[in-house]
Every structure is written in C-alpha cells, then in structure tokens.
Amino acid sequence: MNAIEAEGSQGYTENQLSKIIFDSALRIHRVLGPGLLESSYEECLFYELLRQDYML
C-alpha cells in the first residue's frame, strides 16, 4: 500500500492522480528551472500538492 492509498485517493483513478502529479511537477520545473537537487523539487511538489488540498 502506498501513501496515497493509506490516506485515501479521494476517489481519483491512477490516471487522474498521475496527471495531477505530472502537471504540478512540470509547473514547478518551469518556475524553478533546471539544476536544483532532486530533494528541492520533491519538497516543492509536496508543498504544491498540499496547497491544492491533495492528501499525501
């Protein structure tokens, strides 16, 4: 069981969750640009998903 299943996927399919995560990650990369450590992008993605009210 992954983190999303543990907290509940809020009724989203895997494809919908993938699109939400991909779109958020792409938006973050466009704003911050390349060259940061992966952990920086990971923290920003976590914050962005929480900001959009997605449970992780």
C-alpha atoms as a PDB file:
ATOM      1  CA  MET A   1       0.000   0.000   0.000  1.00  0.00           C
ATOM      2  CA  ASN A   2       1.430   3.386  -0.965  1.00  0.00           C
ATOM      3  CA  ALA A   3       0.997   6.743   0.804  1.00  0.00           C
ATOM      4  CA  ILE A   4      -1.909   7.824  -1.399  1.00  0.00           C
ATOM      5  CA  GLU A   5      -3.819   4.605  -0.694  1.00  0.00           C
ATOM      6  CA  ALA A   6      -3.088   4.899   3.022  1.00  0.00           C
ATOM      7  CA  GLU A   7      -4.636   8.359   3.235  1.00  0.00           C
ATOM      8  CA  GLY A   8      -7.319   7.747   0.607  1.00  0.00           C
ATOM      9  CA  SER A   9      -7.103   8.752  -3.026  1.00  0.00           C
ATOM     10  CA  GLN A  10     -10.186  10.975  -2.750  1.00  0.00           C
ATOM     11  CA  GLY A  11     -11.858   8.902  -5.460  1.00  0.00           C
ATOM     12  CA  TYR A  12      -9.293   9.589  -8.191  1.00  0.00           C
ATOM     13  CA  THR A  13      -8.158   6.959 -10.682  1.00  0.00           C
ATOM     14  CA  GLU A  14      -4.457   6.222 -11.155  1.00  0.00           C
ATOM     15  CA  ASN A  15      -4.510   8.159 -14.437  1.00  0.00           C
ATOM     16  CA  GLN A  16      -6.081  11.201 -12.780  1.00  0.00           C
ATOM     17  CA  LEU A  17      -3.541  11.104  -9.940  1.00  0.00           C
ATOM     18  CA  SER A  18      -0.697  10.761 -12.436  1.00  0.00           C
ATOM     19  CA  LYS A  19      -1.954  13.786 -14.376  1.00  0.00           C
ATOM     20  CA  ILE A  20      -2.252  15.890 -11.213  1.00  0.00           C
ATOM     21  CA  ILE A  21       1.276  14.987 -10.107  1.00  0.00           C
ATOM     22  CA  PHE A  22       2.799  15.394 -13.569  1.00  0.00           C
ATOM     23  CA  ASP A  23       1.149  18.777 -14.188  1.00  0.00           C
ATOM     24  CA  SER A  24       2.236  20.037 -10.769  1.00  0.00           C
ATOM     25  CA  ALA A  25       5.803  18.820 -11.256  1.00  0.00           C
ATOM     26  CA  LEU A  26       6.002  20.386 -14.717  1.00  0.00           C
ATOM     27  CA  ARG A  27       4.704  23.711 -13.397  1.00  0.00           C
ATOM     28  CA  ILE A  28       7.312  23.654 -10.610  1.00  0.00           C
ATOM     29  CA  HIS A  29      10.118  22.860 -13.056  1.00  0.00           C
ATOM     30  CA  ARG A  30       9.064  25.698 -15.358  1.00  0.00           C
ATOM     31  CA  VAL A  31       9.129  28.164 -12.462  1.00  0.00           C
ATOM     32  CA  LEU A  32      12.339  26.983 -10.779  1.00  0.00           C
ATOM     33  CA  GLY A  33      14.194  25.806 -13.874  1.00  0.00           C
ATOM     34  CA  PRO A  34      16.774  23.030 -14.129  1.00  0.00           C
ATOM     35  CA  GLY A  35      19.794  22.453 -11.942  1.00  0.00           C
ATOM     36  CA  LEU A  36      18.392  22.062  -8.438  1.00  0.00           C
ATOM     37  CA  LEU A  37      18.796  18.970  -6.332  1.00  0.00           C
ATOM     38  CA  GLU A  38      16.012  16.416  -6.597  1.00  0.00           C
ATOM     39  CA  SER A  39      15.146  16.974  -2.937  1.00  0.00           C
ATOM     40  CA  SER A  40      14.355  20.626  -3.698  1.00  0.00           C
ATOM     41  CA  TYR A  41      11.863  19.673  -6.393  1.00  0.00           C
ATOM     42  CA  GLU A  42      10.422  16.980  -4.120  1.00  0.00           C
ATOM     43  CA  GLU A  43       9.761  19.460  -1.303  1.00  0.00           C
ATOM     44  CA  CYS A  44       8.192  21.937  -3.719  1.00  0.00           C
ATOM     45  CA  LEU A  45       5.967  19.219  -5.182  1.00  0.00           C
ATOM     46  CA  PHE A  46       4.889  18.130  -1.705  1.00  0.00           C
ATOM     47  CA  TYR A  47       4.026  21.732  -0.810  1.00  0.00           C
ATOM     48  CA  GLU A  48       2.188  22.299  -4.094  1.00  0.00           C
ATOM     49  CA  LEU A  49       0.044  19.181  -3.697  1.00  0.00           C
ATOM     50  CA  LEU A  50      -0.818  20.104  -0.114  1.00  0.00           C
ATOM     51  CA  ARG A  51      -1.645  23.641  -1.227  1.00  0.00           C
ATOM     52  CA  GLN A  52      -4.085  22.178  -3.758  1.00  0.00           C
ATOM     53  CA  ASP A  53      -5.707  20.162  -0.927  1.00  0.00           C
ATOM     54  CA  TYR A  54      -4.475  16.730  -2.016  1.00  0.00           C
ATOM     55  CA  MET A  55      -3.831  14.335   0.859  1.00  0.00           C
ATOM     56  CA  LEU A  56      -0.478  12.564   0.765  1.00  0.00           C
END
